[in-house]
Amino acid sequence: MITIRLQMSAGFLFLFVLGCDLRYDPAPIPSPSVPKAAEQHVSREPMQTLSEFTGKVIGVTDGDTVDVLTADMASIRIRLNGIDCPERGQPFGKNAKQFLSDSIGGKNVRVVDHGQDKYDRTIGDIYADDELVNLSLVEVGLAWWRAPRKLIHVL
C-alpha cells in the first residue's frame, strides 16, 4: 500500500515537472496605463491656491461642522475637510460634538478653505494653536478619514 502511494506520488511529480516550462523568459512587465475612461476625470490644470481666513468659533453643529464668525462679522458654516463623525442620534455623536466644542468652542481658529460642498458649507481644515483639529478627532477615535470626493489632480 505504501509502495503504491509512493509510486503514484512519484508519477504525479514526474508528470507535473514534464508539464512545467522551466526555461526562464524575462518578459518585460508592461507599464500601467491610464484607461481612456479615467483620463476624462483627470485635471491637468494647475492646482488652485487655497485661501485662508481666521475667525472665532461661535457654534458647534455636530462633530464635523462648526460656525465661525470672521473679522468682518460674517458667519460661515465650516464642514471639516477629510473626516466624518457620527451624526446626532448615532452612537458617539454627542461625544464627537462635545470634544469639538471643548477643543475649539469660543476660540479663534485659522481655516484653510477647500471650497464649497453641495449644502453650501465651506469645506475646511481648522487649526487651533497650530494643531489640526480635523486630525485630533481622528486620533481620539471620534472620526474616521473620508476619501476626498474631488477629482484626481495630475501635475
C-alpha atoms as a PDB file:
ATOM      1  CA  MET A   1       0.000   0.000   0.000  1.00  0.00           C
ATOM      2  CA  ILE A   2       2.787   2.425   0.924  1.00  0.00           C
ATOM      3  CA  THR A   3       4.791   1.412  -2.156  1.00  0.00           C
ATOM      4  CA  ILE A   4       1.827   2.091  -4.446  1.00  0.00           C
ATOM      5  CA  ARG A   5       1.257   5.535  -2.921  1.00  0.00           C
ATOM      6  CA  LEU A   6       4.947   6.426  -3.307  1.00  0.00           C
ATOM      7  CA  GLN A   7       4.945   5.265  -6.907  1.00  0.00           C
ATOM      8  CA  MET A   8       1.769   7.240  -7.651  1.00  0.00           C
ATOM      9  CA  SER A   9       3.196  10.340  -5.923  1.00  0.00           C
ATOM     10  CA  ALA A  10       6.440   9.999  -7.877  1.00  0.00           C
ATOM     11  CA  GLY A  11       4.454   9.558 -11.090  1.00  0.00           C
ATOM     12  CA  PHE A  12       2.388  12.698 -10.463  1.00  0.00           C
ATOM     13  CA  LEU A  13       5.532  14.653  -9.615  1.00  0.00           C
ATOM     14  CA  PHE A  14       7.166  13.430 -12.856  1.00  0.00           C
ATOM     15  CA  LEU A  15       4.090  14.446 -14.889  1.00  0.00           C
ATOM     16  CA  PHE A  16       3.971  17.820 -13.153  1.00  0.00           C
ATOM     17  CA  VAL A  17       7.628  18.545 -13.883  1.00  0.00           C
ATOM     18  CA  LEU A  18       7.174  17.437 -17.506  1.00  0.00           C
ATOM     19  CA  GLY A  19       4.227  19.797 -17.878  1.00  0.00           C
ATOM     20  CA  CYS A  20       6.118  22.787 -16.465  1.00  0.00           C
ATOM     21  CA  ASP A  21       8.210  25.020 -18.639  1.00  0.00           C
ATOM     22  CA  LEU A  22      11.349  25.545 -16.599  1.00  0.00           C
ATOM     23  CA  ARG A  23      13.018  27.947 -19.007  1.00  0.00           C
ATOM     24  CA  TYR A  24      13.489  31.499 -17.727  1.00  0.00           C
ATOM     25  CA  ASP A  25      11.880  34.017 -20.022  1.00  0.00           C
ATOM     26  CA  PRO A  26      12.422  37.575 -18.789  1.00  0.00           C
ATOM     27  CA  ALA A  27       9.351  39.047 -20.445  1.00  0.00           C
ATOM     28  CA  PRO A  28       9.093  42.784 -19.845  1.00  0.00           C
ATOM     29  CA  ILE A  29       6.446  43.846 -17.365  1.00  0.00           C
ATOM     30  CA  PRO A  30       4.038  46.202 -19.082  1.00  0.00           C
ATOM     31  CA  SER A  31       3.870  49.691 -17.583  1.00  0.00           C
ATOM     32  CA  PRO A  32       0.481  50.670 -16.218  1.00  0.00           C
ATOM     33  CA  SER A  33      -1.573  52.921 -18.401  1.00  0.00           C
ATOM     34  CA  VAL A  34      -4.496  55.167 -17.571  1.00  0.00           C
ATOM     35  CA  PRO A  35      -7.710  53.877 -19.144  1.00  0.00           C
ATOM     36  CA  LYS A  36      -9.390  56.296 -21.551  1.00  0.00           C
ATOM     37  CA  ALA A  37     -12.467  56.463 -19.292  1.00  0.00           C
ATOM     38  CA  ALA A  38     -10.328  57.651 -16.366  1.00  0.00           C
ATOM     39  CA  GLU A  39      -8.475  60.268 -18.416  1.00  0.00           C
ATOM     40  CA  GLN A  40     -11.599  62.369 -18.796  1.00  0.00           C
ATOM     41  CA  HIS A  41     -11.763  62.740 -14.977  1.00  0.00           C
ATOM     42  CA  VAL A  42      -8.137  63.832 -14.542  1.00  0.00           C
ATOM     43  CA  SER A  43      -7.394  67.540 -14.359  1.00  0.00           C
ATOM     44  CA  ARG A  44      -4.149  68.750 -15.889  1.00  0.00           C
ATOM     45  CA  GLU A  45      -4.775  72.369 -14.896  1.00  0.00           C
ATOM     46  CA  PRO A  46      -2.557  73.871 -12.194  1.00  0.00           C
ATOM     47  CA  MET A  47      -3.948  73.429  -8.691  1.00  0.00           C
ATOM     48  CA  GLN A  48      -5.655  76.483  -7.298  1.00  0.00           C
ATOM     49  CA  THR A  49      -4.156  78.227  -4.313  1.00  0.00           C
ATOM     50  CA  LEU A  50      -6.179  77.610  -1.186  1.00  0.00           C
ATOM     51  CA  SER A  51      -7.408  80.632   0.723  1.00  0.00           C
ATOM     52  CA  GLU A  52      -7.247  81.035   4.478  1.00  0.00           C
ATOM     53  CA  PHE A  53      -9.140  83.108   6.990  1.00  0.00           C
ATOM     54  CA  THR A  54      -9.390  83.412  10.750  1.00  0.00           C
ATOM     55  CA  GLY A  55     -12.366  83.733  12.997  1.00  0.00           C
ATOM     56  CA  LYS A  56     -13.974  82.787  16.275  1.00  0.00           C
ATOM     57  CA  VAL A  57     -15.941  79.542  16.655  1.00  0.00           C
ATOM     58  CA  ILE A  58     -19.441  80.636  17.675  1.00  0.00           C
ATOM     59  CA  GLY A  59     -21.247  77.313  17.326  1.00  0.00           C
ATOM     60  CA  VAL A  60     -20.724  73.584  17.005  1.00  0.00           C
ATOM     61  CA  THR A  61     -23.458  71.869  14.997  1.00  0.00           C
ATOM     62  CA  ASP A  62     -22.088  68.338  15.300  1.00  0.00           C
ATOM     63  CA  GLY A  63     -18.736  66.558  15.394  1.00  0.00           C
ATOM     64  CA  ASP A  64     -17.645  67.741  11.952  1.00  0.00           C
ATOM     65  CA  THR A  65     -19.490  71.045  11.416  1.00  0.00           C
ATOM     66  CA  VAL A  66     -18.912  74.406  13.133  1.00  0.00           C
ATOM     67  CA  ASP A  67     -19.886  78.045  12.667  1.00  0.00           C
ATOM     68  CA  VAL A  68     -17.076  80.612  12.536  1.00  0.00           C
ATOM     69  CA  LEU A  69     -17.503  84.378  12.860  1.00  0.00           C
ATOM     70  CA  THR A  70     -14.935  86.242  10.752  1.00  0.00           C
ATOM     71  CA  ALA A  71     -13.426  89.687  11.427  1.00  0.00           C
ATOM     72  CA  ASP A  72     -15.929  91.308   9.031  1.00  0.00           C
ATOM     73  CA  MET A  73     -18.756  89.777  11.115  1.00  0.00           C
ATOM     74  CA  ALA A  74     -19.709  87.109   8.538  1.00  0.00           C
ATOM     75  CA  SER A  75     -20.871  83.805   9.961  1.00  0.00           C
ATOM     76  CA  ILE A  76     -19.510  80.884   7.916  1.00  0.00           C
ATOM     77  CA  ARG A  77     -20.535  77.262   8.377  1.00  0.00           C
ATOM     78  CA  ILE A  78     -17.456  75.005   8.107  1.00  0.00           C
ATOM     79  CA  ARG A  79     -17.551  71.287   7.306  1.00  0.00           C
ATOM     80  CA  LEU A  80     -14.273  69.737   8.487  1.00  0.00           C
ATOM     81  CA  ASN A  81     -12.295  68.503   5.494  1.00  0.00           C
ATOM     82  CA  GLY A  82     -11.399  64.840   5.070  1.00  0.00           C
ATOM     83  CA  ILE A  83     -13.225  63.391   8.078  1.00  0.00           C
ATOM     84  CA  ASP A  84     -16.641  62.112   9.018  1.00  0.00           C
ATOM     85  CA  CYS A  85     -18.110  61.869  12.516  1.00  0.00           C
ATOM     86  CA  PRO A  86     -21.178  60.095  13.844  1.00  0.00           C
ATOM     87  CA  GLU A  87     -24.298  62.217  13.404  1.00  0.00           C
ATOM     88  CA  ARG A  88     -26.666  63.319  16.137  1.00  0.00           C
ATOM     89  CA  GLY A  89     -28.598  60.322  17.374  1.00  0.00           C
ATOM     90  CA  GLN A  90     -25.870  57.860  16.360  1.00  0.00           C
ATOM     91  CA  PRO A  91     -23.571  56.239  18.938  1.00  0.00           C
ATOM     92  CA  PHE A  92     -20.740  58.643  19.917  1.00  0.00           C
ATOM     93  CA  GLY A  93     -22.363  61.542  18.040  1.00  0.00           C
ATOM     94  CA  LYS A  94     -22.737  63.556  21.267  1.00  0.00           C
ATOM     95  CA  ASN A  95     -19.164  62.658  22.271  1.00  0.00           C
ATOM     96  CA  ALA A  96     -17.762  63.965  18.974  1.00  0.00           C
ATOM     97  CA  LYS A  97     -19.748  67.208  19.279  1.00  0.00           C
ATOM     98  CA  GLN A  98     -18.660  67.659  22.901  1.00  0.00           C
ATOM     99  CA  PHE A  99     -14.993  67.019  22.064  1.00  0.00           C
ATOM    100  CA  LEU A 100     -15.107  69.576  19.253  1.00  0.00           C
ATOM    101  CA  SER A 101     -16.898  72.088  21.463  1.00  0.00           C
ATOM    102  CA  ASP A 102     -14.353  71.628  24.281  1.00  0.00           C
ATOM    103  CA  SER A 103     -11.449  71.865  21.810  1.00  0.00           C
ATOM    104  CA  ILE A 104     -12.378  74.969  19.829  1.00  0.00           C
ATOM    105  CA  GLY A 105     -15.670  76.380  21.140  1.00  0.00           C
ATOM    106  CA  GLY A 106     -15.266  80.150  21.610  1.00  0.00           C
ATOM    107  CA  LYS A 107     -11.656  80.091  20.380  1.00  0.00           C
ATOM    108  CA  ASN A 108     -10.030  81.890  17.480  1.00  0.00           C
ATOM    109  CA  VAL A 109      -9.123  79.463  14.697  1.00  0.00           C
ATOM    110  CA  ARG A 110      -7.456  79.506  11.300  1.00  0.00           C
ATOM    111  CA  VAL A 111      -9.436  77.908   8.468  1.00  0.00           C
ATOM    112  CA  VAL A 112      -7.917  76.667   5.213  1.00  0.00           C
ATOM    113  CA  ASP A 113     -10.728  76.871   2.669  1.00  0.00           C
ATOM    114  CA  HIS A 114     -11.131  73.901   0.283  1.00  0.00           C
ATOM    115  CA  GLY A 115     -14.259  75.155  -1.475  1.00  0.00           C
ATOM    116  CA  GLN A 116     -17.961  74.525  -1.005  1.00  0.00           C
ATOM    117  CA  ASP A 117     -19.931  71.301  -0.628  1.00  0.00           C
ATOM    118  CA  LYS A 118     -23.374  70.601  -2.051  1.00  0.00           C
ATOM    119  CA  TYR A 119     -25.006  72.185   1.035  1.00  0.00           C
ATOM    120  CA  ASP A 120     -23.048  75.466   0.531  1.00  0.00           C
ATOM    121  CA  ARG A 121     -20.870  74.820   3.571  1.00  0.00           C
ATOM    122  CA  THR A 122     -17.212  75.762   3.370  1.00  0.00           C
ATOM    123  CA  ILE A 123     -15.035  72.661   3.441  1.00  0.00           C
ATOM    124  CA  GLY A 124     -12.057  73.462   5.587  1.00  0.00           C
ATOM    125  CA  ASP A 125      -9.100  72.412   7.665  1.00  0.00           C
ATOM    126  CA  ILE A 126      -9.369  74.033  11.087  1.00  0.00           C
ATOM    127  CA  TYR A 127      -6.257  74.888  13.076  1.00  0.00           C
ATOM    128  CA  ALA A 128      -6.359  75.892  16.735  1.00  0.00           C
ATOM    129  CA  ASP A 129      -2.987  76.811  18.255  1.00  0.00           C
ATOM    130  CA  ASP A 130      -1.298  75.358  15.131  1.00  0.00           C
ATOM    131  CA  GLU A 131      -2.932  71.954  15.759  1.00  0.00           C
ATOM    132  CA  LEU A 132      -5.107  70.427  13.031  1.00  0.00           C
ATOM    133  CA  VAL A 133      -8.464  69.859  14.716  1.00  0.00           C
ATOM    134  CA  ASN A 134      -9.626  67.521  11.929  1.00  0.00           C
ATOM    135  CA  LEU A 135      -6.771  65.150  12.759  1.00  0.00           C
ATOM    136  CA  SER A 136      -7.362  65.425  16.508  1.00  0.00           C
ATOM    137  CA  LEU A 137     -10.853  63.992  16.093  1.00  0.00           C
ATOM    138  CA  VAL A 138      -9.464  61.005  14.188  1.00  0.00           C
ATOM    139  CA  GLU A 139      -6.665  60.460  16.731  1.00  0.00           C
ATOM    140  CA  VAL A 140      -9.081  60.216  19.664  1.00  0.00           C
ATOM    141  CA  GLY A 141     -11.340  57.836  17.710  1.00  0.00           C
ATOM    142  CA  LEU A 142     -14.346  60.131  17.275  1.00  0.00           C
ATOM    143  CA  ALA A 143     -13.998  60.479  13.496  1.00  0.00           C
ATOM    144  CA  TRP A 144     -12.784  58.475  10.565  1.00  0.00           C
ATOM    145  CA  TRP A 145     -10.930  59.545   7.470  1.00  0.00           C
ATOM    146  CA  ARG A 146     -13.205  60.118   4.493  1.00  0.00           C
ATOM    147  CA  ALA A 147     -11.871  59.730   0.973  1.00  0.00           C
ATOM    148  CA  PRO A 148     -11.910  63.021  -0.907  1.00  0.00           C
ATOM    149  CA  ARG A 149     -14.688  63.412  -3.422  1.00  0.00           C
ATOM    150  CA  LYS A 150     -12.764  65.812  -5.622  1.00  0.00           C
ATOM    151  CA  LEU A 151     -11.320  64.760  -8.942  1.00  0.00           C
ATOM    152  CA  ILE A 152      -7.788  63.370  -9.183  1.00  0.00           C
ATOM    153  CA  HIS A 153      -5.206  66.007  -9.984  1.00  0.00           C
ATOM    154  CA  VAL A 154      -2.143  65.157 -12.046  1.00  0.00           C
ATOM    155  CA  LEU A 155       0.761  67.598 -12.037  1.00  0.00           C
END
